[in-house]
Amino acid sequence: MVVLFIKTTRVKDFEYIKLVESFWEDGKSKHRVLYNFGRADLLRGDKGFINVVKRLCEIAEISTTDKTDDSPFRSDCSEATFYNYGYLAYLKLWKKLCIREILECQQNGYKMEYSLSETVFLMAVQHLLEPRSKLSTYMHQNRYFHMKEIPLHHLYRALDVLSKRKEHIESELFEYNYVRLNKNVDVVFYDVTTFAFESVIADELKDFGFSKACKFNEVQIVMGMIIDADGIPVGYELFPGNTFDGKTMVRALENIKMRFGIHRVIIVADRGLNCKVNLNLIKQAGYGYIMSSKIRGMSKPMQAKVLSTEGFTVVNDNSGQEDFRYKTMEYKNEFRDENGERHSLPENLIISYSLKRAKKDQKDRERLVEKAKKMLADPEKIKASNKRGGKKYIVRQNPEEPVTWKLALERIEQDAKFDGFYGIQTSEKNMTAMDVMEAYHTLWKIEESFRIMKSTMEVRPIFHWTPHRIEGHFVVCFLAFLMERTLELILKDEKDDTVSSPGRIQEALNTMQLAAVSSHNEELFIKAKSNPLCNKIFKLLKIDLPSNINTKSELIARFKLNKEPSMIQMKLL
């Protein structure tokens, strides 16, 4: 139970007035200050404050001359109920990005007695503000001001529809937010991650595979995502949990060409997707690529050219000291496909070297060598470990004799030669080395995207088990992530990156609360103190902030919640 009351505190010679919320948590009564009115002696002379109090008394039909404790307001005023109105920021983006219109079109052909858009929006905004399961979302949906109540079975049915219409939704979003706005998409970033389930039961989608979160004893699914240069998600695909990263590229290329109609684009990806087959597929599709290069796996003559000190251009930092150096080398990437046909891909190989990276590589290698030495001291650990750890520096002494192990000194020495070196290979021979490196270094945005989905938005744990429900769940998360990234970009345009992280946006919007109390059968809404970032978000999205004290009809009019009827409402009219 939540109760609001006015609290007075005395500090030295002054009395201060506060609006306080009393609530129960972990079996204990706790207090939280919602608003500091200030010093009592100053408030008595503040005309603005007096006018607010008078207006509140008028609404509650209380005489301002009535100073008795038996006033109607005191005896009839209810306990406060809190509603969030910060969600209106995402409701504005829901409409601005045409998600509402697209979902309303997608439900044509289905015998649905509810709005698909309203149902999906509830699930999406819950992921953005307070991630919960679908059941918990249903039970707590009354926390949002003036949001239509959605039955639980509508949430689950909406997931089934989203699963079937996923590709159409993506295509329409691209049409509305890129094609119609003539927004150029010439570079996209692609990466893959995994989402584990608290289960060991495999099916056509969930399966065991290499887990990027090290959850090897649980089934998982693989997700490949495409984002643009601003970090905005363009599309994604789900794959069975045992799918190798490199094999997801074919589907990604099909999406880019068929679903999004992009005819020329440069794909940026890390070395996990850099296999010769993938590179050839990209070229055959008419696209370009920028990939992290596996320079340690190249031929010895090519390695010698990479390690040569000749041809480097030095880049200094602001103090005039060397920051890094780079050089461009022509390279022919030759290979045979599974049919034995020979291919040759002309590329530029951008080699960079920095002392800072060299020190890091040295420390990483020394750490693995120490692990290898500990394994040699206890050979039983060697069999249990994988090749990714210290085992990479352990070899058998003599294959023809009983199994004995030794430190791979030659391999350690060879790896040390590459300390500080990094390679990027590209098909774009007309791009400068600096442009190539800048494009590749932007790849962190997609890695950050996965991190946001797993942390702030809590895409997992996934409380669904059938493939269709899982697929529908990820459509909801994709739409939520699209809005979150768009809001970040809007704030970034204001050159205020310090307050625009996903966590801070979530925290800020959750502080936008209205305390509803009723007296004489009339409901009043008092605005609680909110995070300063909230004002900026609402201002940029052109949403009016509420007054300190409001009636419900005033709030509905201020937030324009009765305007812009949906397409379904228009059809009914």
Protein backbone atom coordinates (compact mmCIF):
# COMPACT_ATOMS: atom_id res chain seq x y z
CA MET A 1 0.00 0.00 0.00
CA VAL A 2 1.34 3.46 -0.95
CA VAL A 3 0.37 6.56 1.05
CA LEU A 4 1.20 10.22 0.37
CA PHE A 5 1.53 12.83 3.10
CA ILE A 6 3.05 16.25 3.77
CA LYS A 7 6.09 16.18 6.04
CA THR A 8 7.68 19.17 7.78
CA THR A 9 11.29 19.08 8.96
CA ARG A 10 13.22 21.70 10.88
CA VAL A 11 16.83 22.54 10.01
CA LYS A 12 18.36 25.17 12.29
CA ASP A 13 15.87 28.08 12.34
CA PHE A 14 13.84 27.08 9.27
CA GLU A 15 10.98 24.68 8.59
CA TYR A 16 10.94 22.77 5.26
CA ILE A 17 7.89 21.23 3.56
CA LYS A 18 8.09 17.95 1.60
CA LEU A 19 5.71 15.62 -0.25
CA VAL A 20 6.55 12.13 1.01
CA GLU A 21 5.51 8.66 -0.13
CA SER A 22 5.13 5.90 2.45
CA PHE A 23 5.35 2.30 1.22
CA TRP A 24 6.11 -1.24 2.37
CA GLU A 25 9.22 -3.09 1.15
CA ASP A 26 10.58 -6.38 2.50
CA GLY A 27 8.09 -6.20 5.35
CA LYS A 28 9.29 -2.76 6.44
CA SER A 29 7.69 0.67 6.18
CA LYS A 30 9.86 3.07 4.18
CA HIS A 31 9.61 6.71 3.12
CA ARG A 32 10.67 8.37 -0.13
CA VAL A 33 10.68 12.13 -0.79
CA LEU A 34 8.81 12.89 -4.02
CA TYR A 35 8.98 16.66 -4.00
CA ASN A 36 10.68 19.36 -1.90
CA PHE A 37 8.44 22.43 -1.70
CA GLY A 38 11.10 24.45 0.16
CA ARG A 39 11.12 26.67 3.23
CA ALA A 40 7.72 27.23 4.82
CA ASP A 41 8.32 30.95 5.46
CA LEU A 42 9.14 31.52 1.78
CA LEU A 43 6.19 29.44 0.57
CA ARG A 44 3.78 31.62 2.54
CA GLY A 45 4.85 34.59 0.42
CA ASP A 46 5.10 32.68 -2.88
CA LYS A 47 2.08 33.71 -5.00
CA GLY A 48 2.65 30.85 -7.46
CA PHE A 49 2.52 28.27 -4.68
CA ILE A 50 -0.53 29.91 -3.10
CA ASN A 51 -2.35 29.91 -6.47
CA VAL A 52 -1.64 26.17 -6.88
CA VAL A 53 -3.04 25.46 -3.41
CA LYS A 54 -6.10 27.59 -4.12
CA ARG A 55 -6.70 25.83 -7.42
CA LEU A 56 -6.43 22.46 -5.72
CA CYS A 57 -8.93 23.58 -3.11
CA GLU A 58 -11.31 24.82 -5.82
CA ILE A 59 -11.16 21.47 -7.63
CA ALA A 60 -11.79 19.63 -4.38
CA GLU A 61 -14.56 22.11 -3.45
CA ILE A 62 -12.83 23.15 -0.23
CA SER A 63 -13.20 26.59 1.22
CA THR A 64 -9.86 28.31 1.51
CA THR A 65 -11.02 29.80 4.81
CA ASP A 66 -11.70 26.37 6.31
CA LYS A 67 -8.77 25.60 8.61
CA THR A 68 -10.34 22.88 10.72
CA ASP A 69 -9.01 19.32 10.72
CA ASP A 70 -12.52 18.12 9.79
CA SER A 71 -12.39 19.64 6.29
CA PRO A 72 -13.93 17.54 3.50
CA PHE A 73 -10.55 17.25 1.77
CA ARG A 74 -8.92 15.61 4.74
CA SER A 75 -11.71 13.14 5.43
CA ASP A 76 -12.50 12.22 1.83
CA CYS A 77 -9.06 12.19 0.16
CA SER A 78 -7.99 8.73 -0.99
CA GLU A 79 -4.56 7.12 -0.86
CA ALA A 80 -2.34 7.88 -3.83
CA THR A 81 -1.90 5.59 -6.83
CA PHE A 82 1.14 6.11 -9.04
CA TYR A 83 1.13 6.06 -12.85
CA ASN A 84 4.04 6.29 -15.23
CA TYR A 85 3.76 8.80 -18.07
CA GLY A 86 7.37 8.54 -19.27
CA TYR A 87 6.23 5.79 -21.65
CA LEU A 88 4.69 8.55 -23.82
CA ALA A 89 8.18 9.20 -25.24
CA TYR A 90 8.17 5.73 -26.79
CA LEU A 91 4.52 6.07 -27.83
CA LYS A 92 5.57 9.13 -29.86
CA LEU A 93 8.37 7.13 -31.51
CA TRP A 94 5.99 4.21 -32.08
CA LYS A 95 3.96 6.52 -34.30
CA LYS A 96 6.88 8.48 -35.75
CA LEU A 97 8.62 5.30 -36.96
CA CYS A 98 5.29 4.14 -38.46
CA ILE A 99 5.30 0.97 -36.35
CA ARG A 100 1.67 1.51 -35.37
CA GLU A 101 0.57 1.92 -38.97
CA ILE A 102 2.58 -1.10 -40.12
CA LEU A 103 1.18 -3.41 -37.43
CA GLU A 104 -2.37 -2.27 -38.12
CA CYS A 105 -1.87 -3.15 -41.77
CA GLN A 106 -0.37 -6.52 -40.83
CA GLN A 107 -3.42 -7.59 -38.87
CA ASN A 108 -5.58 -7.36 -42.00
CA GLY A 109 -6.63 -10.86 -42.94
CA TYR A 110 -6.66 -12.02 -39.33
CA LYS A 111 -9.92 -12.27 -37.40
CA MET A 112 -8.68 -10.20 -34.48
CA GLU A 113 -10.91 -8.53 -31.93
CA TYR A 114 -8.08 -6.43 -30.56
CA SER A 115 -5.46 -3.97 -31.76
CA LEU A 116 -2.19 -5.70 -32.65
CA SER A 117 -0.37 -2.37 -32.37
CA GLU A 118 -1.59 -1.60 -28.83
CA THR A 119 -0.85 -5.15 -27.68
CA VAL A 120 2.68 -5.24 -29.07
CA PHE A 121 3.42 -1.72 -27.81
CA LEU A 122 2.64 -2.78 -24.24
CA MET A 123 5.14 -5.65 -24.46
CA ALA A 124 7.77 -3.46 -26.17
CA VAL A 125 7.56 -0.57 -23.72
CA GLN A 126 7.72 -3.01 -20.80
CA HIS A 127 11.08 -4.27 -22.11
CA LEU A 128 12.29 -0.69 -22.36
CA LEU A 129 11.19 0.54 -18.93
CA GLU A 130 10.89 -2.49 -16.65
CA PRO A 131 11.58 -5.87 -18.35
CA ARG A 132 9.14 -8.58 -17.26
CA SER A 133 7.64 -11.83 -18.49
CA LYS A 134 4.41 -11.61 -20.50
CA LEU A 135 2.39 -12.75 -17.49
CA SER A 136 4.00 -10.15 -15.25
CA THR A 137 3.53 -7.52 -17.97
CA TYR A 138 -0.18 -8.27 -17.98
CA MET A 139 -0.39 -8.07 -14.18
CA HIS A 140 1.43 -4.71 -13.96
CA GLN A 141 0.12 -2.92 -17.04
CA ASN A 142 -1.99 -0.59 -14.89
CA ARG A 143 1.18 1.33 -13.99
CA TYR A 144 0.89 3.32 -17.24
CA PHE A 145 -1.33 6.38 -17.37
CA HIS A 146 -4.41 6.03 -19.61
CA MET A 147 -3.18 2.89 -21.37
CA LYS A 148 -5.88 0.52 -22.56
CA GLU A 149 -5.95 -2.77 -20.62
CA ILE A 150 -4.82 -5.78 -22.69
CA PRO A 151 -6.03 -9.31 -21.79
CA LEU A 152 -3.30 -11.89 -21.22
CA HIS A 153 -4.32 -14.20 -24.07
CA HIS A 154 -4.04 -11.28 -26.51
CA LEU A 155 -0.36 -10.92 -25.61
CA TYR A 156 0.33 -14.54 -26.51
CA ARG A 157 -1.77 -14.46 -29.66
CA ALA A 158 0.05 -11.34 -30.83
CA LEU A 159 3.36 -13.25 -30.62
CA ASP A 160 2.00 -15.85 -33.05
CA VAL A 161 1.02 -13.13 -35.53
CA LEU A 162 4.41 -11.43 -35.22
CA SER A 163 6.17 -14.71 -35.92
CA LYS A 164 4.28 -15.13 -39.21
CA ARG A 165 4.59 -11.49 -40.30
CA LYS A 166 8.16 -10.81 -39.19
CA GLU A 167 9.66 -10.41 -42.67
CA HIS A 168 6.83 -8.14 -43.85
CA ILE A 169 7.23 -5.94 -40.77
CA GLU A 170 10.97 -5.56 -41.39
CA SER A 171 10.43 -4.73 -45.07
CA GLU A 172 7.78 -2.12 -44.28
CA LEU A 173 9.94 -0.52 -41.59
CA PHE A 174 12.78 -0.21 -44.08
CA GLU A 175 10.42 1.26 -46.68
CA TYR A 176 9.01 3.88 -44.28
CA ASN A 177 12.22 4.86 -42.48
CA TYR A 178 14.81 4.61 -45.24
CA VAL A 179 13.34 4.55 -48.76
CA ARG A 180 10.60 7.16 -48.28
CA LEU A 181 12.95 9.45 -46.36
CA ASN A 182 15.65 8.93 -48.98
CA LYS A 183 18.06 7.90 -46.22
CA ASN A 184 21.28 6.49 -47.65
CA VAL A 185 22.40 3.02 -46.54
CA ASP A 186 25.85 2.40 -48.00
CA VAL A 187 27.55 0.70 -45.04
CA VAL A 188 25.97 -1.93 -42.80
CA PHE A 189 27.45 -3.84 -39.87
CA TYR A 190 26.75 -7.50 -39.26
CA ASP A 191 27.49 -9.69 -36.26
CA VAL A 192 26.21 -12.77 -34.51
CA THR A 193 25.42 -13.58 -30.87
CA THR A 194 23.70 -16.34 -28.89
CA PHE A 195 20.79 -16.41 -26.44
CA ALA A 196 20.62 -19.33 -24.01
CA PHE A 197 17.56 -20.97 -22.44
CA GLU A 198 17.31 -22.48 -18.98
CA SER A 199 16.70 -25.85 -20.61
CA VAL A 200 18.43 -28.91 -22.09
CA ILE A 201 15.55 -29.84 -24.41
CA ALA A 202 16.47 -29.26 -28.06
CA ASP A 203 14.07 -28.76 -30.98
CA GLU A 204 14.13 -27.28 -34.49
CA LEU A 205 15.26 -23.87 -33.16
CA LYS A 206 16.80 -24.45 -29.73
CA ASP A 207 19.94 -26.57 -29.79
CA PHE A 208 23.36 -26.97 -28.23
CA GLY A 209 26.22 -25.03 -29.77
CA PHE A 210 29.13 -22.74 -29.04
CA SER A 211 27.78 -20.22 -26.52
CA LYS A 212 29.23 -16.70 -26.56
CA ALA A 213 28.02 -16.39 -22.95
CA CYS A 214 29.77 -19.65 -21.95
CA LYS A 215 26.45 -21.40 -21.20
CA PHE A 216 27.53 -24.66 -22.83
CA ASN A 217 25.15 -26.87 -20.81
CA GLU A 218 22.01 -25.13 -22.07
CA VAL A 219 20.26 -25.04 -25.43
CA GLN A 220 20.43 -21.75 -27.32
CA ILE A 221 19.52 -19.92 -30.47
CA VAL A 222 21.81 -17.87 -32.72
CA MET A 223 20.92 -14.33 -33.78
CA GLY A 224 22.51 -12.42 -36.66
CA MET A 225 21.75 -8.68 -36.80
CA ILE A 226 22.31 -5.94 -39.37
CA ILE A 227 22.63 -2.30 -38.22
CA ASP A 228 23.37 0.90 -40.14
CA ALA A 229 26.21 3.37 -39.56
CA ASP A 230 24.17 5.17 -36.85
CA GLY A 231 23.65 1.96 -34.88
CA ILE A 232 19.97 1.68 -35.87
CA PRO A 233 18.89 -1.97 -36.39
CA VAL A 234 17.83 -2.76 -39.96
CA GLY A 235 16.98 -6.46 -39.70
CA TYR A 236 17.87 -9.73 -38.03
CA GLU A 237 17.58 -13.49 -38.40
CA LEU A 238 17.29 -16.34 -35.93
CA PHE A 239 19.15 -19.61 -36.52
CA PRO A 240 19.23 -22.97 -34.74
CA GLY A 241 21.58 -23.00 -31.76
CA ASN A 242 24.16 -25.22 -33.45
CA THR A 243 24.65 -22.90 -36.47
CA PHE A 244 28.24 -21.80 -37.13
CA ASP A 245 28.65 -18.00 -37.30
CA GLY A 246 30.02 -18.06 -40.83
CA LYS A 247 27.00 -19.92 -42.19
CA THR A 248 24.61 -17.13 -41.18
CA MET A 249 26.04 -14.77 -43.80
CA VAL A 250 24.07 -16.32 -46.71
CA ARG A 251 20.73 -15.45 -45.10
CA ALA A 252 21.96 -11.95 -44.23
CA LEU A 253 22.86 -11.33 -47.88
CA GLU A 254 19.44 -12.55 -49.00
CA ASN A 255 17.78 -10.12 -46.59
CA ILE A 256 19.80 -7.16 -47.81
CA LYS A 257 19.05 -7.80 -51.47
CA MET A 258 15.54 -9.31 -51.49
CA ARG A 259 13.80 -7.87 -48.44
CA PHE A 260 15.41 -4.45 -48.24
CA GLY A 261 16.19 -3.94 -51.91
CA ILE A 262 19.68 -2.56 -51.23
CA HIS A 263 21.72 -2.96 -54.41
CA ARG A 264 25.08 -1.60 -53.30
CA VAL A 265 26.41 -1.79 -49.78
CA ILE A 266 29.64 -2.48 -47.89
CA ILE A 267 29.34 -5.15 -45.20
CA VAL A 268 31.54 -4.73 -42.12
CA ALA A 269 32.09 -7.76 -39.88
CA ASP A 270 34.70 -9.25 -37.55
CA ARG A 271 37.04 -12.16 -38.22
CA GLY A 272 34.53 -14.76 -37.02
CA LEU A 273 32.63 -14.23 -40.29
CA ASN A 274 35.75 -13.92 -42.43
CA CYS A 275 35.87 -17.11 -44.44
CA LYS A 276 36.68 -17.23 -48.14
CA VAL A 277 33.26 -18.66 -49.02
CA ASN A 278 31.50 -15.74 -47.33
CA LEU A 279 33.70 -13.18 -49.04
CA ASN A 280 32.99 -14.78 -52.42
CA LEU A 281 29.24 -14.76 -51.73
CA ILE A 282 29.41 -11.05 -50.88
CA LYS A 283 31.20 -10.28 -54.13
CA GLN A 284 28.79 -12.41 -56.19
CA ALA A 285 25.89 -10.47 -54.65
CA GLY A 286 27.46 -7.27 -55.93
CA TYR A 287 28.43 -5.97 -52.50
CA GLY A 288 31.70 -4.94 -50.89
CA TYR A 289 33.21 -5.96 -47.57
CA ILE A 290 35.52 -4.80 -44.81
CA MET A 291 36.66 -7.65 -42.57
CA SER A 292 39.17 -8.24 -39.83
CA SER A 293 42.00 -10.24 -41.40
CA LYS A 294 43.58 -13.42 -40.08
CA ILE A 295 47.15 -12.33 -40.85
CA ARG A 296 48.70 -15.13 -38.77
CA GLY A 297 47.11 -17.69 -41.07
CA MET A 298 48.53 -16.21 -44.29
CA SER A 299 51.40 -17.67 -46.28
CA LYS A 300 54.94 -17.10 -44.96
CA PRO A 301 55.90 -14.73 -47.82
CA MET A 302 52.80 -12.63 -47.07
CA GLN A 303 53.54 -12.68 -43.33
CA ALA A 304 57.03 -11.39 -44.05
CA LYS A 305 55.56 -8.44 -45.99
CA VAL A 306 53.12 -7.73 -43.15
CA LEU A 307 55.90 -7.69 -40.53
CA SER A 308 58.27 -5.61 -42.67
CA THR A 309 58.87 -2.11 -41.29
CA GLU A 310 58.78 -0.60 -44.77
CA GLY A 311 55.89 1.42 -46.19
CA PHE A 312 54.28 2.57 -42.95
CA THR A 313 52.66 5.98 -42.50
CA VAL A 314 52.92 7.36 -38.95
CA VAL A 315 49.91 8.99 -37.26
CA ASN A 316 50.71 11.19 -34.23
CA ASP A 317 48.46 12.06 -31.32
CA ASN A 318 47.70 15.61 -30.09
CA SER A 319 50.99 15.78 -28.19
CA GLY A 320 53.03 14.93 -31.29
CA GLN A 321 53.88 11.41 -30.13
CA GLU A 322 53.30 8.40 -32.37
CA ASP A 323 49.78 7.01 -31.90
CA PHE A 324 49.90 4.25 -34.52
CA ARG A 325 51.23 3.52 -38.00
CA TYR A 326 49.62 1.88 -41.01
CA LYS A 327 50.28 0.74 -44.57
CA THR A 328 48.21 -0.52 -47.50
CA MET A 329 49.17 -3.69 -49.38
CA GLU A 330 47.62 -5.24 -52.46
CA TYR A 331 46.50 -8.79 -51.84
CA LYS A 332 44.95 -11.57 -53.90
CA ASN A 333 42.74 -13.80 -51.81
CA GLU A 334 42.84 -17.09 -53.70
CA PHE A 335 40.96 -20.28 -52.86
CA ARG A 336 39.04 -23.24 -54.27
CA ASP A 337 35.35 -23.77 -53.53
CA GLU A 338 33.72 -27.08 -52.63
CA ASN A 339 33.42 -27.92 -56.34
CA GLY A 340 37.13 -27.41 -56.91
CA GLU A 341 36.66 -24.18 -58.85
CA ARG A 342 39.41 -21.64 -58.32
CA HIS A 343 38.57 -18.07 -57.24
CA SER A 344 40.68 -14.95 -56.83
CA LEU A 345 39.47 -11.89 -54.91
CA PRO A 346 41.53 -8.71 -55.41
CA GLU A 347 41.73 -6.88 -52.09
CA ASN A 348 43.55 -4.20 -50.17
CA LEU A 349 45.13 -5.31 -46.91
CA ILE A 350 45.39 -2.52 -44.33
CA ILE A 351 48.07 -3.30 -41.72
CA SER A 352 48.28 -1.16 -38.59
CA TYR A 353 50.71 -1.28 -35.67
CA SER A 354 50.61 0.43 -32.28
CA LEU A 355 52.87 0.14 -29.26
CA LYS A 356 49.86 0.16 -26.94
CA ARG A 357 48.37 -2.87 -28.69
CA ALA A 358 51.78 -4.59 -28.66
CA LYS A 359 51.97 -4.31 -24.86
CA LYS A 360 48.45 -5.70 -24.52
CA ASP A 361 49.18 -8.63 -26.85
CA GLN A 362 52.32 -9.43 -24.88
CA LYS A 363 50.46 -9.46 -21.55
CA ASP A 364 47.67 -11.64 -23.00
CA ARG A 365 50.20 -14.14 -24.33
CA GLU A 366 52.17 -14.24 -21.08
CA ARG A 367 48.96 -14.96 -19.20
CA LEU A 368 48.25 -17.94 -21.49
CA VAL A 369 51.82 -19.20 -21.11
CA GLU A 370 51.39 -19.17 -17.31
CA LYS A 371 48.20 -21.21 -17.68
CA ALA A 372 50.03 -23.64 -19.96
CA LYS A 373 52.77 -24.12 -17.35
CA LYS A 374 50.18 -24.90 -14.67
CA MET A 375 48.61 -27.48 -16.99
CA LEU A 376 51.99 -29.12 -17.54
CA ALA A 377 52.35 -29.41 -13.78
CA ASP A 378 49.00 -31.25 -13.67
CA PRO A 379 48.62 -33.13 -17.02
CA GLU A 380 45.07 -34.23 -16.22
CA LYS A 381 43.94 -30.63 -16.79
CA ILE A 382 45.30 -30.71 -20.35
CA LYS A 383 42.72 -33.25 -21.52
CA ALA A 384 39.83 -31.29 -19.97
CA SER A 385 40.74 -27.90 -21.44
CA ASN A 386 40.02 -26.55 -24.91
CA LYS A 387 42.44 -25.15 -27.48
CA ARG A 388 41.35 -21.55 -26.84
CA GLY A 389 43.11 -21.30 -23.50
CA GLY A 390 46.63 -22.10 -22.40
CA LYS A 391 46.46 -25.43 -24.25
CA LYS A 392 47.36 -23.64 -27.51
CA TYR A 393 50.93 -23.42 -26.19
CA ILE A 394 51.22 -27.11 -25.29
CA VAL A 395 52.36 -29.85 -27.71
CA ARG A 396 53.24 -33.54 -27.42
CA GLN A 397 56.93 -34.24 -27.04
CA ASN A 398 56.96 -37.29 -29.33
CA PRO A 399 53.84 -38.61 -31.10
CA GLU A 400 55.32 -42.12 -31.27
CA GLU A 401 55.97 -42.41 -27.53
CA PRO A 402 53.57 -42.46 -24.55
CA VAL A 403 51.71 -39.17 -24.17
CA THR A 404 53.99 -36.56 -22.66
CA TRP A 405 53.69 -32.80 -23.09
CA LYS A 406 55.96 -29.79 -23.40
CA LEU A 407 55.74 -26.03 -23.88
CA ALA A 408 55.41 -24.98 -27.55
CA LEU A 409 58.32 -22.54 -27.54
CA GLU A 410 58.37 -22.11 -31.32
CA ARG A 411 54.67 -21.20 -31.39
CA ILE A 412 55.16 -18.69 -28.56
CA GLU A 413 58.08 -17.11 -30.40
CA GLN A 414 56.09 -16.95 -33.66
CA ASP A 415 53.08 -15.31 -31.98
CA ALA A 416 55.35 -12.72 -30.34
CA LYS A 417 56.36 -11.44 -33.78
CA PHE A 418 52.77 -10.24 -34.36
CA ASP A 419 52.46 -8.23 -31.16
CA GLY A 420 50.90 -4.86 -32.00
CA PHE A 421 49.93 -5.76 -35.58
CA TYR A 422 46.35 -5.80 -36.83
CA GLY A 423 44.99 -6.46 -40.32
CA ILE A 424 41.82 -5.40 -42.14
CA GLN A 425 41.05 -6.69 -45.62
CA THR A 426 38.60 -5.02 -47.98
CA SER A 427 37.29 -5.34 -51.49
CA GLU A 428 36.93 -1.53 -51.66
CA LYS A 429 40.17 -0.60 -53.37
CA ASN A 430 39.05 3.00 -53.90
CA MET A 431 38.62 3.69 -50.19
CA THR A 432 41.51 5.25 -48.30
CA ALA A 433 43.14 3.30 -45.49
CA MET A 434 41.86 5.78 -42.91
CA ASP A 435 38.27 5.45 -44.19
CA VAL A 436 38.52 1.66 -44.08
CA MET A 437 39.85 1.68 -40.52
CA GLU A 438 37.21 4.19 -39.40
CA ALA A 439 34.43 2.04 -40.88
CA TYR A 440 35.79 -1.09 -39.21
CA HIS A 441 36.25 0.58 -35.84
CA THR A 442 32.54 1.52 -35.92
CA LEU A 443 31.82 -2.20 -35.58
CA TRP A 444 31.68 -1.68 -31.80
CA LYS A 445 28.15 -0.31 -32.26
CA ILE A 446 26.71 -3.72 -33.07
CA GLU A 447 28.59 -5.32 -30.19
CA GLU A 448 27.08 -2.63 -27.98
CA SER A 449 23.67 -3.39 -29.48
CA PHE A 450 23.82 -6.99 -28.30
CA ARG A 451 24.99 -5.84 -24.88
CA ILE A 452 22.02 -3.46 -24.54
CA MET A 453 19.56 -6.18 -25.57
CA LYS A 454 20.99 -8.59 -23.01
CA SER A 455 21.37 -6.12 -20.13
CA THR A 456 19.13 -3.03 -20.18
CA MET A 457 16.29 -4.64 -22.16
CA GLU A 458 16.75 -8.13 -20.68
CA VAL A 459 15.81 -10.07 -23.80
CA ARG A 460 16.57 -13.16 -21.78
CA PRO A 461 15.51 -15.09 -19.78
CA ILE A 462 13.07 -16.10 -22.50
CA PHE A 463 9.83 -17.45 -21.00
CA HIS A 464 8.69 -19.17 -24.20
CA TRP A 465 9.45 -22.62 -25.52
CA THR A 466 7.76 -23.11 -28.89
CA PRO A 467 9.56 -21.77 -32.00
CA HIS A 468 6.67 -19.46 -33.00
CA ARG A 469 6.44 -17.83 -29.57
CA ILE A 470 10.23 -17.42 -29.41
CA GLU A 471 10.24 -15.80 -32.86
CA GLY A 472 7.40 -13.47 -31.85
CA HIS A 473 9.25 -12.54 -28.66
CA PHE A 474 12.27 -11.44 -30.68
CA VAL A 475 10.12 -9.32 -33.00
CA VAL A 476 8.90 -7.43 -29.90
CA CYS A 477 12.48 -7.00 -28.70
CA PHE A 478 13.59 -5.82 -32.15
CA LEU A 479 10.87 -3.14 -32.25
CA ALA A 480 11.73 -2.05 -28.70
CA PHE A 481 15.42 -1.84 -29.58
CA LEU A 482 14.61 0.18 -32.70
CA MET A 483 12.82 2.80 -30.57
CA GLU A 484 15.55 2.85 -27.91
CA ARG A 485 18.32 3.37 -30.48
CA THR A 486 16.30 6.08 -32.23
CA LEU A 487 15.83 7.96 -28.95
CA GLU A 488 19.58 7.69 -28.27
CA LEU A 489 20.28 9.17 -31.69
CA ILE A 490 17.88 12.05 -31.07
CA LEU A 491 19.66 12.88 -27.82
CA LYS A 492 23.06 12.51 -29.46
CA ASP A 493 22.09 15.19 -31.99
CA GLU A 494 21.91 17.53 -29.02
CA LYS A 495 25.64 16.88 -28.35
CA ASP A 496 24.95 15.60 -24.85
CA ASP A 497 26.27 12.03 -24.93
CA THR A 498 26.88 12.02 -21.18
CA VAL A 499 23.20 11.50 -20.37
CA SER A 500 21.97 9.45 -23.30
CA SER A 501 23.02 5.92 -22.37
CA PRO A 502 20.20 3.33 -22.43
CA GLY A 503 20.39 2.84 -18.67
CA ARG A 504 20.05 6.54 -17.95
CA ILE A 505 17.18 6.93 -20.39
CA GLN A 506 15.38 4.04 -18.72
CA GLU A 507 16.01 5.46 -15.25
CA ALA A 508 14.85 8.93 -16.29
CA LEU A 509 11.59 7.83 -17.92
CA ASN A 510 10.76 5.67 -14.91
CA THR A 511 10.90 8.74 -12.66
CA MET A 512 8.08 10.40 -14.61
CA GLN A 513 5.26 9.59 -12.20
CA LEU A 514 1.80 10.96 -11.50
CA ALA A 515 0.30 10.52 -8.03
CA ALA A 516 -3.46 10.11 -8.41
CA VAL A 517 -5.72 10.97 -5.46
CA SER A 518 -9.48 11.33 -5.42
CA SER A 519 -11.67 13.64 -3.35
CA HIS A 520 -15.39 14.33 -3.69
CA ASN A 521 -15.49 11.81 -6.57
CA GLU A 522 -12.96 13.79 -8.58
CA GLU A 523 -9.52 12.44 -9.44
CA LEU A 524 -6.48 14.71 -9.25
CA PHE A 525 -2.98 13.93 -10.55
CA ILE A 526 0.08 15.42 -8.85
CA LYS A 527 3.32 15.40 -10.83
CA ALA A 528 6.24 13.90 -8.91
CA LYS A 529 9.76 15.22 -9.22
CA SER A 530 11.52 13.66 -12.22
CA ASN A 531 15.02 13.33 -13.62
CA PRO A 532 16.26 16.48 -15.48
CA LEU A 533 16.84 14.33 -18.59
CA CYS A 534 13.07 13.84 -18.84
CA ASN A 535 12.45 17.48 -19.72
CA LYS A 536 14.97 17.28 -22.56
CA ILE A 537 13.45 14.06 -23.95
CA PHE A 538 9.92 15.46 -23.93
CA LYS A 539 11.08 18.75 -25.42
CA LEU A 540 12.91 17.04 -28.30
CA LEU A 541 9.89 14.83 -29.00
CA LYS A 542 7.55 17.82 -28.71
CA ILE A 543 5.45 16.35 -25.90
CA ASP A 544 3.93 18.76 -23.38
CA LEU A 545 4.82 18.21 -19.74
CA PRO A 546 1.96 18.09 -17.21
CA SER A 547 1.28 20.82 -14.68
CA ASN A 548 2.03 20.16 -11.04
CA ILE A 549 -1.65 19.38 -10.40
CA ASN A 550 -3.99 18.13 -13.14
CA THR A 551 -7.35 16.58 -13.75
CA LYS A 552 -7.54 13.49 -15.93
CA SER A 553 -9.20 15.32 -18.78
CA GLU A 554 -6.49 18.00 -18.68
CA LEU A 555 -3.78 15.34 -18.92
CA ILE A 556 -5.47 13.53 -21.80
CA ALA A 557 -5.76 16.80 -23.69
CA ARG A 558 -2.18 17.84 -22.88
CA PHE A 559 -0.74 14.47 -23.96
CA LYS A 560 -3.05 14.38 -27.05
CA LEU A 561 -4.12 10.84 -26.18
CA ASN A 562 -7.53 11.22 -27.81
CA LYS A 563 -6.18 12.57 -31.11
CA GLU A 564 -4.85 10.83 -34.21
CA PRO A 565 -7.24 7.86 -34.42
CA SER A 566 -5.68 4.62 -35.61
CA MET A 567 -6.38 3.10 -39.01
CA ILE A 568 -8.66 0.54 -37.38
CA GLN A 569 -10.68 3.28 -35.68
CA MET A 570 -10.93 5.12 -39.01
CA LYS A 571 -12.32 2.00 -40.68
CA LEU A 572 -14.90 1.59 -37.93
CA LEU A 573 -15.96 5.20 -38.39
